[in-house]
C-alpha atoms as a PDB file:
ATOM      1  CA  UNK A   1       0.000   0.000   0.000  1.00  0.00           C
ATOM      2  CA  UNK A   2       1.443   3.411  -0.934  1.00  0.00           C
ATOM      3  CA  UNK A   3       2.235   5.800   1.892  1.00  0.00           C
ATOM      4  CA  UNK A   4      -0.445   8.374   2.587  1.00  0.00           C
ATOM      5  CA  UNK A   5       0.370  12.001   2.023  1.00  0.00           C
ATOM      6  CA  UNK A   6       0.547  13.588   5.503  1.00  0.00           C
ATOM      7  CA  UNK A   7      -0.890  16.831   4.161  1.00  0.00           C
ATOM      8  CA  UNK A   8      -3.719  17.165   1.664  1.00  0.00           C
ATOM      9  CA  UNK A   9      -4.071  20.932   1.502  1.00  0.00           C
ATOM     10  CA  UNK A  10      -4.429  22.906  -1.704  1.00  0.00           C
ATOM     11  CA  UNK A  11      -3.903  26.437  -2.935  1.00  0.00           C
ATOM     12  CA  UNK A  12      -6.003  28.671  -5.157  1.00  0.00           C
ATOM     13  CA  UNK A  13      -4.967  28.517  -8.818  1.00  0.00           C
ATOM     14  CA  UNK A  14      -4.521  32.287  -8.847  1.00  0.00           C
ATOM     15  CA  UNK A  15      -1.241  31.755  -7.026  1.00  0.00           C
ATOM     16  CA  UNK A  16      -0.053  29.663  -9.939  1.00  0.00           C
ATOM     17  CA  UNK A  17      -1.018  32.544 -12.221  1.00  0.00           C
ATOM     18  CA  UNK A  18       1.001  34.862  -9.991  1.00  0.00           C
ATOM     19  CA  UNK A  19       4.085  32.680 -10.432  1.00  0.00           C
ATOM     20  CA  UNK A  20       3.461  32.619 -14.186  1.00  0.00           C
ATOM     21  CA  UNK A  21       3.221  36.426 -14.330  1.00  0.00           C
ATOM     22  CA  UNK A  22       6.387  36.777 -12.249  1.00  0.00           C
ATOM     23  CA  UNK A  23       8.301  34.264 -14.370  1.00  0.00           C
ATOM     24  CA  UNK A  24       7.302  36.086 -17.559  1.00  0.00           C
ATOM     25  CA  UNK A  25       8.317  39.452 -16.114  1.00  0.00           C
ATOM     26  CA  UNK A  26      11.739  38.102 -15.126  1.00  0.00           C
ATOM     27  CA  UNK A  27      12.294  36.116 -18.304  1.00  0.00           C
ATOM     28  CA  UNK A  28      12.337  32.770 -16.502  1.00  0.00           C
ATOM     29  CA  UNK A  29      11.634  29.413 -18.083  1.00  0.00           C
ATOM     30  CA  UNK A  30       7.972  28.391 -17.728  1.00  0.00           C
ATOM     31  CA  UNK A  31       8.035  24.759 -16.641  1.00  0.00           C
ATOM     32  CA  UNK A  32       5.519  22.192 -17.819  1.00  0.00           C
ATOM     33  CA  UNK A  33       4.124  21.944 -14.275  1.00  0.00           C
ATOM     34  CA  UNK A  34       3.632  25.708 -14.017  1.00  0.00           C
ATOM     35  CA  UNK A  35       1.987  25.738 -17.427  1.00  0.00           C
ATOM     36  CA  UNK A  36      -0.336  22.896 -16.414  1.00  0.00           C
ATOM     37  CA  UNK A  37      -1.708  24.562 -13.274  1.00  0.00           C
ATOM     38  CA  UNK A  38      -2.861  27.578 -15.297  1.00  0.00           C
ATOM     39  CA  UNK A  39      -5.964  25.630 -16.339  1.00  0.00           C
ATOM     40  CA  UNK A  40      -6.750  24.273 -12.860  1.00  0.00           C
ATOM     41  CA  UNK A  41      -9.059  25.694 -10.211  1.00  0.00           C
ATOM     42  CA  UNK A  42      -6.880  24.513  -7.327  1.00  0.00           C
ATOM     43  CA  UNK A  43      -3.774  22.391  -6.975  1.00  0.00           C
ATOM     44  CA  UNK A  44      -1.945  20.544  -4.234  1.00  0.00           C
ATOM     45  CA  UNK A  45       0.119  22.469  -1.700  1.00  0.00           C
ATOM     46  CA  UNK A  46       3.082  20.153  -2.276  1.00  0.00           C
ATOM     47  CA  UNK A  47       3.025  21.115  -5.968  1.00  0.00           C
ATOM     48  CA  UNK A  48       2.939  24.776  -4.935  1.00  0.00           C
ATOM     49  CA  UNK A  49       6.177  24.246  -3.011  1.00  0.00           C
ATOM     50  CA  UNK A  50       7.707  22.454  -6.006  1.00  0.00           C
ATOM     51  CA  UNK A  51       6.844  25.359  -8.288  1.00  0.00           C
ATOM     52  CA  UNK A  52       8.422  27.788  -5.851  1.00  0.00           C
ATOM     53  CA  UNK A  53      11.550  25.638  -5.743  1.00  0.00           C
ATOM     54  CA  UNK A  54      11.778  25.653  -9.551  1.00  0.00           C
ATOM     55  CA  UNK A  55      11.651  29.436  -9.610  1.00  0.00           C
ATOM     56  CA  UNK A  56      14.180  29.711  -6.798  1.00  0.00           C
ATOM     57  CA  UNK A  57      16.621  27.541  -8.727  1.00  0.00           C
ATOM     58  CA  UNK A  58      16.382  29.902 -11.674  1.00  0.00           C
ATOM     59  CA  UNK A  59      16.499  33.049  -9.557  1.00  0.00           C
ATOM     60  CA  UNK A  60      18.418  32.330  -6.316  1.00  0.00           C
ATOM     61  CA  UNK A  61      18.144  35.749  -4.707  1.00  0.00           C
ATOM     62  CA  UNK A  62      17.515  36.806  -1.128  1.00  0.00           C
ATOM     63  CA  UNK A  63      13.899  37.541  -0.124  1.00  0.00           C
ATOM     64  CA  UNK A  64      12.600  36.061  -3.380  1.00  0.00           C
ATOM     65  CA  UNK A  65       9.113  35.601  -1.916  1.00  0.00           C
ATOM     66  CA  UNK A  66       8.836  39.306  -1.173  1.00  0.00           C
ATOM     67  CA  UNK A  67       9.763  40.145  -4.756  1.00  0.00           C
ATOM     68  CA  UNK A  68       7.199  37.683  -6.152  1.00  0.00           C
ATOM     69  CA  UNK A  69       4.476  39.173  -3.948  1.00  0.00           C
ATOM     70  CA  UNK A  70       5.074  42.598  -5.504  1.00  0.00           C
ATOM     71  CA  UNK A  71       3.471  41.280  -8.698  1.00  0.00           C
ATOM     72  CA  UNK A  72       0.205  40.249  -7.059  1.00  0.00           C
ATOM     73  CA  UNK A  73      -3.105  41.524  -8.434  1.00  0.00           C
ATOM     74  CA  UNK A  74      -6.595  41.044  -6.962  1.00  0.00           C
ATOM     75  CA  UNK A  75      -7.343  38.201  -9.406  1.00  0.00           C
ATOM     76  CA  UNK A  76      -4.437  36.216  -7.961  1.00  0.00           C
ATOM     77  CA  UNK A  77      -6.074  36.201  -4.528  1.00  0.00           C
ATOM     78  CA  UNK A  78      -9.504  35.279  -5.781  1.00  0.00           C
ATOM     79  CA  UNK A  79     -12.754  36.308  -4.222  1.00  0.00           C
ATOM     80  CA  UNK A  80     -10.997  37.181  -0.955  1.00  0.00           C
ATOM     81  CA  UNK A  81      -9.550  40.313  -2.545  1.00  0.00           C
ATOM     82  CA  UNK A  82     -12.977  41.444  -3.708  1.00  0.00           C
ATOM     83  CA  UNK A  83     -14.656  40.672  -0.407  1.00  0.00           C
ATOM     84  CA  UNK A  84     -12.025  42.824   1.284  1.00  0.00           C
ATOM     85  CA  UNK A  85     -13.202  45.821  -0.716  1.00  0.00           C
ATOM     86  CA  UNK A  86     -16.349  45.946   1.415  1.00  0.00           C
ATOM     87  CA  UNK A  87     -14.479  46.365   4.691  1.00  0.00           C
ATOM     88  CA  UNK A  88     -14.526  49.633   6.617  1.00  0.00           C
ATOM     89  CA  UNK A  89     -11.701  49.014   9.096  1.00  0.00           C
ATOM     90  CA  UNK A  90      -8.548  46.940   9.338  1.00  0.00           C
ATOM     91  CA  UNK A  91     -10.181  44.892  12.097  1.00  0.00           C
ATOM     92  CA  UNK A  92     -13.035  43.939   9.780  1.00  0.00           C
ATOM     93  CA  UNK A  93     -10.607  43.144   6.963  1.00  0.00           C
ATOM     94  CA  UNK A  94      -8.599  40.834   9.195  1.00  0.00           C
ATOM     95  CA  UNK A  95     -11.797  39.126  10.323  1.00  0.00           C
ATOM     96  CA  UNK A  96     -12.760  38.514   6.704  1.00  0.00           C
ATOM     97  CA  UNK A  97      -9.254  37.263   5.969  1.00  0.00           C
ATOM     98  CA  UNK A  98      -9.564  34.866   8.887  1.00  0.00           C
ATOM     99  CA  UNK A  99     -12.968  33.658   7.659  1.00  0.00           C
ATOM    100  CA  UNK A 100     -11.965  33.112   4.037  1.00  0.00           C
ATOM    101  CA  UNK A 101      -8.198  32.586   3.976  1.00  0.00           C
ATOM    102  CA  UNK A 102      -8.716  28.893   3.178  1.00  0.00           C
ATOM    103  CA  UNK A 103      -9.871  29.981  -0.270  1.00  0.00           C
ATOM    104  CA  UNK A 104      -6.201  30.818  -0.869  1.00  0.00           C
ATOM    105  CA  UNK A 105      -4.441  28.280   1.376  1.00  0.00           C
ATOM    106  CA  UNK A 106      -6.695  25.332   2.175  1.00  0.00           C
ATOM    107  CA  UNK A 107      -5.280  22.984   4.792  1.00  0.00           C
ATOM    108  CA  UNK A 108      -3.613  25.421   7.152  1.00  0.00           C
ATOM    109  CA  UNK A 109      -5.371  27.052  10.066  1.00  0.00           C
ATOM    110  CA  UNK A 110      -5.106  30.783  10.539  1.00  0.00           C
ATOM    111  CA  UNK A 111      -4.649  31.515  14.230  1.00  0.00           C
ATOM    112  CA  UNK A 112      -5.539  34.985  15.491  1.00  0.00           C
ATOM    113  CA  UNK A 113      -4.950  35.865  19.129  1.00  0.00           C
ATOM    114  CA  UNK A 114      -4.377  38.946  21.254  1.00  0.00           C
ATOM    115  CA  UNK A 115      -1.848  39.445  24.014  1.00  0.00           C
ATOM    116  CA  UNK A 116      -1.875  42.675  25.982  1.00  0.00           C
ATOM    117  CA  UNK A 117      -1.872  45.416  23.328  1.00  0.00           C
ATOM    118  CA  UNK A 118      -0.917  43.290  20.333  1.00  0.00           C
ATOM    119  CA  UNK A 119      -2.700  41.106  17.784  1.00  0.00           C
ATOM    120  CA  UNK A 120      -0.897  38.125  16.214  1.00  0.00           C
ATOM    121  CA  UNK A 121      -1.947  36.432  12.969  1.00  0.00           C
ATOM    122  CA  UNK A 122      -0.201  33.178  12.167  1.00  0.00           C
ATOM    123  CA  UNK A 123      -0.487  29.832  10.417  1.00  0.00           C
ATOM    124  CA  UNK A 124      -0.530  26.383  11.992  1.00  0.00           C
ATOM    125  CA  UNK A 125      -1.000  22.723  11.027  1.00  0.00           C
ATOM    126  CA  UNK A 126       1.383  22.883   8.080  1.00  0.00           C
ATOM    127  CA  UNK A 127       4.189  20.352   8.704  1.00  0.00           C
ATOM    128  CA  UNK A 128       7.584  22.028   8.906  1.00  0.00           C
ATOM    129  CA  UNK A 129       8.866  19.593   6.268  1.00  0.00           C
ATOM    130  CA  UNK A 130       6.331  20.971   3.792  1.00  0.00           C
ATOM    131  CA  UNK A 131       7.128  24.633   4.351  1.00  0.00           C
ATOM    132  CA  UNK A 132      10.106  26.639   3.205  1.00  0.00           C
ATOM    133  CA  UNK A 133      11.325  30.112   3.940  1.00  0.00           C
ATOM    134  CA  UNK A 134      10.129  31.028   0.454  1.00  0.00           C
ATOM    135  CA  UNK A 135       6.581  29.683   0.986  1.00  0.00           C
ATOM    136  CA  UNK A 136       6.366  31.520   4.313  1.00  0.00           C
ATOM    137  CA  UNK A 137       7.651  34.731   2.739  1.00  0.00           C
ATOM    138  CA  UNK A 138       4.953  34.687   0.088  1.00  0.00           C
ATOM    139  CA  UNK A 139       2.184  33.869   2.586  1.00  0.00           C
ATOM    140  CA  UNK A 140       3.221  36.804   4.780  1.00  0.00           C
ATOM    141  CA  UNK A 141       3.799  39.217   1.927  1.00  0.00           C
ATOM    142  CA  UNK A 142       0.531  38.413   0.161  1.00  0.00           C
ATOM    143  CA  UNK A 143      -1.484  39.147   3.265  1.00  0.00           C
ATOM    144  CA  UNK A 144       0.357  42.438   3.728  1.00  0.00           C
ATOM    145  CA  UNK A 145      -0.127  43.329   0.057  1.00  0.00           C
ATOM    146  CA  UNK A 146      -3.840  42.590   0.348  1.00  0.00           C
ATOM    147  CA  UNK A 147      -4.199  44.899   3.310  1.00  0.00           C
ATOM    148  CA  UNK A 148      -1.939  47.675   2.025  1.00  0.00           C
ATOM    149  CA  UNK A 149      -2.511  47.947  -1.690  1.00  0.00           C
ATOM    150  CA  UNK A 150      -6.075  46.779  -2.178  1.00  0.00           C
ATOM    151  CA  UNK A 151      -7.749  48.480   0.780  1.00  0.00           C
ATOM    152  CA  UNK A 152      -5.554  50.658   2.928  1.00  0.00           C
ATOM    153  CA  UNK A 153      -5.364  54.429   2.625  1.00  0.00           C
ATOM    154  CA  UNK A 154      -2.346  54.776   4.861  1.00  0.00           C
ATOM    155  CA  UNK A 155       0.572  52.564   5.801  1.00  0.00           C
ATOM    156  CA  UNK A 156       0.015  49.633   8.104  1.00  0.00           C
ATOM    157  CA  UNK A 157       2.565  49.715  10.904  1.00  0.00           C
ATOM    158  CA  UNK A 158       3.548  46.205  11.947  1.00  0.00           C
ATOM    159  CA  UNK A 159       5.130  45.486  15.310  1.00  0.00           C
ATOM    160  CA  UNK A 160       7.028  42.293  14.450  1.00  0.00           C
ATOM    161  CA  UNK A 161       7.137  39.514  11.861  1.00  0.00           C
ATOM    162  CA  UNK A 162       8.148  35.970  12.818  1.00  0.00           C
ATOM    163  CA  UNK A 163       9.489  33.233  10.539  1.00  0.00           C
ATOM    164  CA  UNK A 164      10.012  29.601  11.519  1.00  0.00           C
ATOM    165  CA  UNK A 165      13.169  29.066   9.462  1.00  0.00           C
ATOM    166  CA  UNK A 166      16.720  30.126  10.273  1.00  0.00           C
ATOM    167  CA  UNK A 167      17.763  33.704   9.656  1.00  0.00           C
ATOM    168  CA  UNK A 168      19.201  34.466   6.191  1.00  0.00           C
ATOM    169  CA  UNK A 169      22.350  36.487   5.715  1.00  0.00           C
ATOM    170  CA  UNK A 170      20.613  39.784   5.003  1.00  0.00           C
ATOM    171  CA  UNK A 171      17.853  40.273   7.571  1.00  0.00           C
ATOM    172  CA  UNK A 172      17.656  43.971   6.695  1.00  0.00           C
ATOM    173  CA  UNK A 173      15.919  43.154   3.411  1.00  0.00           C
ATOM    174  CA  UNK A 174      13.014  41.762   5.399  1.00  0.00           C
ATOM    175  CA  UNK A 175      12.988  44.575   7.932  1.00  0.00           C
ATOM    176  CA  UNK A 176      12.845  47.179   5.163  1.00  0.00           C
ATOM    177  CA  UNK A 177      10.007  45.352   3.435  1.00  0.00           C
ATOM    178  CA  UNK A 178       7.843  44.824   6.513  1.00  0.00           C
ATOM    179  CA  UNK A 179       8.938  48.039   8.227  1.00  0.00           C
ATOM    180  CA  UNK A 180       9.500  46.374  11.597  1.00  0.00           C
ATOM    181  CA  UNK A 181      11.716  43.935  13.472  1.00  0.00           C
ATOM    182  CA  UNK A 182      11.798  40.492  11.846  1.00  0.00           C
ATOM    183  CA  UNK A 183      12.646  37.434  13.943  1.00  0.00           C
ATOM    184  CA  UNK A 184      13.639  34.016  12.625  1.00  0.00           C
ATOM    185  CA  UNK A 185      13.715  30.471  14.088  1.00  0.00           C
ATOM    186  CA  UNK A 186      10.399  31.172  15.840  1.00  0.00           C
ATOM    187  CA  UNK A 187       7.777  28.578  16.758  1.00  0.00           C
ATOM    188  CA  UNK A 188       5.085  30.110  14.505  1.00  0.00           C
ATOM    189  CA  UNK A 189       5.094  32.103  11.287  1.00  0.00           C
ATOM    190  CA  UNK A 190       3.074  35.183  12.175  1.00  0.00           C
ATOM    191  CA  UNK A 191       2.543  38.899  11.807  1.00  0.00           C
ATOM    192  CA  UNK A 192       2.118  40.979  14.955  1.00  0.00           C
ATOM    193  CA  UNK A 193       0.629  44.467  15.087  1.00  0.00           C
ATOM    194  CA  UNK A 194      -0.598  46.810  17.778  1.00  0.00           C
ATOM    195  CA  UNK A 195      -4.331  46.625  18.487  1.00  0.00           C
ATOM    196  CA  UNK A 196      -4.739  50.394  17.964  1.00  0.00           C
ATOM    197  CA  UNK A 197      -3.982  49.752  14.263  1.00  0.00           C
ATOM    198  CA  UNK A 198      -7.251  47.858  13.949  1.00  0.00           C
ATOM    199  CA  UNK A 199      -9.368  51.009  13.955  1.00  0.00           C
ATOM    200  CA  UNK A 200      -7.701  52.419  10.838  1.00  0.00           C
ATOM    201  CA  UNK A 201     -10.229  53.143   8.068  1.00  0.00           C
ATOM    202  CA  UNK A 202      -9.970  51.319   4.779  1.00  0.00           C
ATOM    203  CA  UNK A 203     -10.744  52.441   1.263  1.00  0.00           C
ATOM    204  CA  UNK A 204     -14.267  51.254   0.433  1.00  0.00           C
ATOM    205  CA  UNK A 205     -15.466  50.847  -3.152  1.00  0.00           C
ATOM    206  CA  UNK A 206     -18.758  52.257  -4.366  1.00  0.00           C
ATOM    207  CA  UNK A 207     -20.026  48.836  -5.441  1.00  0.00           C
ATOM    208  CA  UNK A 208     -18.487  46.196  -3.228  1.00  0.00           C
ATOM    209  CA  UNK A 209     -18.563  42.573  -4.191  1.00  0.00           C
ATOM    210  CA  UNK A 210     -20.400  41.638  -1.047  1.00  0.00           C
ATOM    211  CA  UNK A 211     -23.241  44.053  -1.788  1.00  0.00           C
ATOM    212  CA  UNK A 212     -23.239  43.076  -5.427  1.00  0.00           C
ATOM    213  CA  UNK A 213     -23.505  39.373  -4.636  1.00  0.00           C
ATOM    214  CA  UNK A 214     -26.426  40.069  -2.327  1.00  0.00           C
ATOM    215  CA  UNK A 215     -28.206  41.822  -5.187  1.00  0.00           C
ATOM    216  CA  UNK A 216     -27.480  38.908  -7.506  1.00  0.00           C
ATOM    217  CA  UNK A 217     -28.805  36.400  -4.984  1.00  0.00           C
ATOM    218  CA  UNK A 218     -32.087  38.292  -4.730  1.00  0.00           C
ATOM    219  CA  UNK A 219     -32.333  38.636  -8.504  1.00  0.00           C
ATOM    220  CA  UNK A 220     -31.563  34.962  -8.929  1.00  0.00           C
ATOM    221  CA  UNK A 221     -34.399  33.852  -6.681  1.00  0.00           C
ATOM    222  CA  UNK A 222     -36.814  36.157  -8.527  1.00  0.00           C
ATOM    223  CA  UNK A 223     -35.835  35.101 -12.031  1.00  0.00           C
ATOM    224  CA  UNK A 224     -35.422  31.373 -11.677  1.00  0.00           C
ATOM    225  CA  UNK A 225     -38.436  29.216 -10.808  1.00  0.00           C
ATOM    226  CA  UNK A 226     -37.950  26.559  -8.184  1.00  0.00           C
ATOM    227  CA  UNK A 227     -40.614  23.908  -7.741  1.00  0.00           C
ATOM    228  CA  UNK A 228     -39.408  22.520  -4.444  1.00  0.00           C
ATOM    229  CA  UNK A 229     -37.607  23.673  -1.330  1.00  0.00           C
ATOM    230  CA  UNK A 230     -34.701  21.466  -2.397  1.00  0.00           C
ATOM    231  CA  UNK A 231     -34.365  23.437  -5.637  1.00  0.00           C
ATOM    232  CA  UNK A 232     -34.193  26.696  -3.705  1.00  0.00           C
ATOM    233  CA  UNK A 233     -31.522  25.293  -1.398  1.00  0.00           C
ATOM    234  CA  UNK A 234     -29.660  23.927  -4.411  1.00  0.00           C
ATOM    235  CA  UNK A 235     -29.624  27.317  -6.138  1.00  0.00           C
ATOM    236  CA  UNK A 236     -28.367  29.036  -3.003  1.00  0.00           C
ATOM    237  CA  UNK A 237     -25.675  26.368  -2.494  1.00  0.00           C
ATOM    238  CA  UNK A 238     -24.452  26.683  -6.087  1.00  0.00           C
ATOM    239  CA  UNK A 239     -24.484  30.482  -5.859  1.00  0.00           C
ATOM    240  CA  UNK A 240     -22.339  30.348  -2.732  1.00  0.00           C
ATOM    241  CA  UNK A 241     -20.105  27.733  -4.322  1.00  0.00           C
ATOM    242  CA  UNK A 242     -19.480  29.868  -7.396  1.00  0.00           C
ATOM    243  CA  UNK A 243     -18.429  32.754  -5.158  1.00  0.00           C
ATOM    244  CA  UNK A 244     -15.816  30.538  -3.486  1.00  0.00           C
ATOM    245  CA  UNK A 245     -14.862  28.482  -6.567  1.00  0.00           C
ATOM    246  CA  UNK A 246     -16.134  25.412  -4.676  1.00  0.00           C
ATOM    247  CA  UNK A 247     -19.120  24.268  -6.688  1.00  0.00           C
ATOM    248  CA  UNK A 248     -18.346  20.672  -7.667  1.00  0.00           C
ATOM    249  CA  UNK A 249     -21.341  18.402  -7.382  1.00  0.00           C
ATOM    250  CA  UNK A 250     -19.867  16.321  -4.547  1.00  0.00           C
ATOM    251  CA  UNK A 251     -19.424  19.431  -2.370  1.00  0.00           C
ATOM    252  CA  UNK A 252     -22.894  20.764  -3.161  1.00  0.00           C
ATOM    253  CA  UNK A 253     -24.562  17.400  -2.551  1.00  0.00           C
ATOM    254  CA  UNK A 254     -22.818  17.120   0.805  1.00  0.00           C
ATOM    255  CA  UNK A 255     -24.110  20.565   1.815  1.00  0.00           C
ATOM    256  CA  UNK A 256     -27.638  19.449   0.941  1.00  0.00           C
ATOM    257  CA  UNK A 257     -27.322  16.217   2.893  1.00  0.00           C
ATOM    258  CA  UNK A 258     -27.578  14.126  -0.267  1.00  0.00           C
ATOM    259  CA  UNK A 259     -25.404  11.681  -2.136  1.00  0.00           C
ATOM    260  CA  UNK A 260     -24.229  12.653  -5.597  1.00  0.00           C
ATOM    261  CA  UNK A 261     -26.495   9.997  -7.079  1.00  0.00           C
ATOM    262  CA  UNK A 262     -29.535  11.328  -5.190  1.00  0.00           C
ATOM    263  CA  UNK A 263     -28.891  14.870  -6.419  1.00  0.00           C
ATOM    264  CA  UNK A 264     -28.387  13.690  -9.987  1.00  0.00           C
ATOM    265  CA  UNK A 265     -31.619  11.689  -9.826  1.00  0.00           C
ATOM    266  CA  UNK A 266     -33.534  14.718  -8.538  1.00  0.00           C
ATOM    267  CA  UNK A 267     -32.292  16.830 -11.448  1.00  0.00           C
ATOM    268  CA  UNK A 268     -33.000  14.078 -13.970  1.00  0.00           C
ATOM    269  CA  UNK A 269     -36.601  13.970 -12.783  1.00  0.00           C
ATOM    270  CA  UNK A 270     -36.806  17.654 -13.743  1.00  0.00           C
ATOM    271  CA  UNK A 271     -35.283  16.994 -17.160  1.00  0.00           C
ATOM    272  CA  UNK A 272     -32.075  18.717 -16.188  1.00  0.00           C
ATOM    273  CA  UNK A 273     -28.511  17.953 -15.111  1.00  0.00           C
ATOM    274  CA  UNK A 274     -26.082  19.479 -12.660  1.00  0.00           C
ATOM    275  CA  UNK A 275     -23.980  21.009 -15.439  1.00  0.00           C
ATOM    276  CA  UNK A 276     -27.086  22.531 -17.027  1.00  0.00           C
ATOM    277  CA  UNK A 277     -28.070  24.056 -13.681  1.00  0.00           C
ATOM    278  CA  UNK A 278     -24.604  25.518 -13.242  1.00  0.00           C
ATOM    279  CA  UNK A 279     -24.751  27.101 -16.688  1.00  0.00           C
ATOM    280  CA  UNK A 280     -28.264  28.411 -16.054  1.00  0.00           C
ATOM    281  CA  UNK A 281     -27.152  30.162 -12.892  1.00  0.00           C
ATOM    282  CA  UNK A 282     -24.011  31.485 -14.541  1.00  0.00           C
ATOM    283  CA  UNK A 283     -26.110  32.956 -17.358  1.00  0.00           C
ATOM    284  CA  UNK A 284     -28.367  34.855 -14.962  1.00  0.00           C
ATOM    285  CA  UNK A 285     -25.426  36.064 -12.878  1.00  0.00           C
ATOM    286  CA  UNK A 286     -23.439  37.088 -15.955  1.00  0.00           C
ATOM    287  CA  UNK A 287     -26.186  39.420 -17.161  1.00  0.00           C
ATOM    288  CA  UNK A 288     -26.499  40.897 -13.683  1.00  0.00           C
ATOM    289  CA  UNK A 289     -22.749  41.474 -13.457  1.00  0.00           C
ATOM    290  CA  UNK A 290     -22.627  43.055 -16.920  1.00  0.00           C
ATOM    291  CA  UNK A 291     -25.028  45.767 -15.735  1.00  0.00           C
ATOM    292  CA  UNK A 292     -22.259  46.968 -13.394  1.00  0.00           C
ATOM    293  CA  UNK A 293     -19.823  49.064 -15.502  1.00  0.00           C
ATOM    294  CA  UNK A 294     -17.174  48.859 -12.770  1.00  0.00           C
ATOM    295  CA  UNK A 295     -16.696  45.131 -13.326  1.00  0.00           C
ATOM    296  CA  UNK A 296     -14.374  44.186 -16.170  1.00  0.00           C
ATOM    297  CA  UNK A 297     -14.938  41.055 -18.246  1.00  0.00           C
ATOM    298  CA  UNK A 298     -11.948  39.459 -16.531  1.00  0.00           C
ATOM    299  CA  UNK A 299     -13.493  40.108 -13.142  1.00  0.00           C
ATOM    300  CA  UNK A 300     -16.870  38.769 -14.250  1.00  0.00           C
ATOM    301  CA  UNK A 301     -15.227  35.620 -15.590  1.00  0.00           C
ATOM    302  CA  UNK A 302     -13.523  35.210 -12.224  1.00  0.00           C
ATOM    303  CA  UNK A 303     -16.738  35.766 -10.284  1.00  0.00           C
ATOM    304  CA  UNK A 304     -18.387  33.027 -12.336  1.00  0.00           C
ATOM    305  CA  UNK A 305     -15.452  30.675 -11.582  1.00  0.00           C
ATOM    306  CA  UNK A 306     -14.089  30.542 -15.113  1.00  0.00           C
ATOM    307  CA  UNK A 307     -10.354  29.998 -15.300  1.00  0.00           C
ATOM    308  CA  UNK A 308     -10.035  32.306 -18.338  1.00  0.00           C
ATOM    309  CA  UNK A 309     -11.956  35.250 -19.756  1.00  0.00           C
ATOM    310  CA  UNK A 310     -12.137  33.523 -23.145  1.00  0.00           C
ATOM    311  CA  UNK A 311     -14.038  30.578 -21.637  1.00  0.00           C
ATOM    312  CA  UNK A 312     -16.633  32.967 -20.199  1.00  0.00           C
ATOM    313  CA  UNK A 313     -16.982  34.780 -23.516  1.00  0.00           C
ATOM    314  CA  UNK A 314     -17.547  31.516 -25.407  1.00  0.00           C
ATOM    315  CA  UNK A 315     -20.166  30.378 -22.904  1.00  0.00           C
ATOM    316  CA  UNK A 316     -21.977  33.727 -22.987  1.00  0.00           C
ATOM    317  CA  UNK A 317     -22.192  33.651 -26.781  1.00  0.00           C
ATOM    318  CA  UNK A 318     -23.672  30.149 -26.579  1.00  0.00           C
ATOM    319  CA  UNK A 319     -26.324  31.417 -24.145  1.00  0.00           C
ATOM    320  CA  UNK A 320     -27.268  34.616 -25.954  1.00  0.00           C
ATOM    321  CA  UNK A 321     -25.871  34.479 -29.484  1.00  0.00           C
ATOM    322  CA  UNK A 322     -23.830  37.645 -28.858  1.00  0.00           C
ATOM    323  CA  UNK A 323     -20.638  38.482 -26.979  1.00  0.00           C
ATOM    324  CA  UNK A 324     -20.605  40.008 -23.471  1.00  0.00           C
ATOM    325  CA  UNK A 325     -19.250  43.222 -24.995  1.00  0.00           C
ATOM    326  CA  UNK A 326     -22.197  43.406 -27.417  1.00  0.00           C
ATOM    327  CA  UNK A 327     -24.688  42.622 -24.651  1.00  0.00           C
ATOM    328  CA  UNK A 328     -23.241  45.372 -22.458  1.00  0.00           C
ATOM    329  CA  UNK A 329     -23.243  47.831 -25.375  1.00  0.00           C
ATOM    330  CA  UNK A 330     -26.905  47.110 -26.143  1.00  0.00           C
ATOM    331  CA  UNK A 331     -27.958  47.071 -22.489  1.00  0.00           C
ATOM    332  CA  UNK A 332     -28.921  50.793 -22.120  1.00  0.00           C
ATOM    333  CA  UNK A 333     -31.115  50.596 -25.231  1.00  0.00           C
ATOM    334  CA  UNK A 334     -32.794  47.474 -23.877  1.00  0.00           C
ATOM    335  CA  UNK A 335     -33.456  49.216 -20.598  1.00  0.00           C
ATOM    336  CA  UNK A 336     -34.975  52.219 -22.372  1.00  0.00           C
ATOM    337  CA  UNK A 337     -37.309  50.011 -24.311  1.00  0.00           C
ATOM    338  CA  UNK A 338     -38.491  48.396 -21.104  1.00  0.00           C
ATOM    339  CA  UNK A 339     -39.364  51.718 -19.492  1.00  0.00           C
END
């Protein structure tokens, strides 16, 4: 019998896209493994570490993880980046990060605790053998980038940053990046900041994803008929799953307390299938999203859990006979004719 993998966690595919973007920017060789994960929704944490190792071999510089994190965009962090746009304070943003961080790193537990006048945010349950200084650097830097560049109006002042691995030769690189004392060979990888930082206001968008998704949920229930209570629960479960990129039939069936076969049988009795239901919901959501001019086609494709914008555009043309761009262009005229 083959040995069981001691850790079955996964990472969001956007991190693979981040490594791809970084490798292109630095002129690095794109490995077959890195190319392959571009079409996945998630991939194994062990593969994530392998990809990082490949890049490190090509670019063996100090604080490589911090440099990679500088290339991050909201799409690389998935729905968590968009949810963060609805936060009003750093405290709320950290709470949301705690609630949804598994959408980026699934398998590790985010531990948040306070001691006197300080708040510590750290990771646990990842075996030391499956972490590297590079993987820890990126995890720390991505969280800081999320807070600083996507939401924060003013600088976040950290108190300390702890790494579990031994100190590198040039610790000052890390201290300049994080703007605080950085300690190595610690028991937990964590970021520590003073509790008075939590009240800092964050930049709030006019149309936050959270508010937008609430509107879409209401519109969805109004537009789509549901003959049974199970259908209503199914639609809500799929809607939530699309938001988190966790909408596979096994996960949805488990949420509903059904087996996959029972759910498939229920849909067959209605002359439908799970894939048809997914596409039906995506169609309704896509038209709702297109009414918001602040959402780009790339963002809409992401919100509908498509790995690429082109896949969304092909699907939309199959639904409507026109492209999303054409639908959005014709939308005001359609609205006028309805008035």
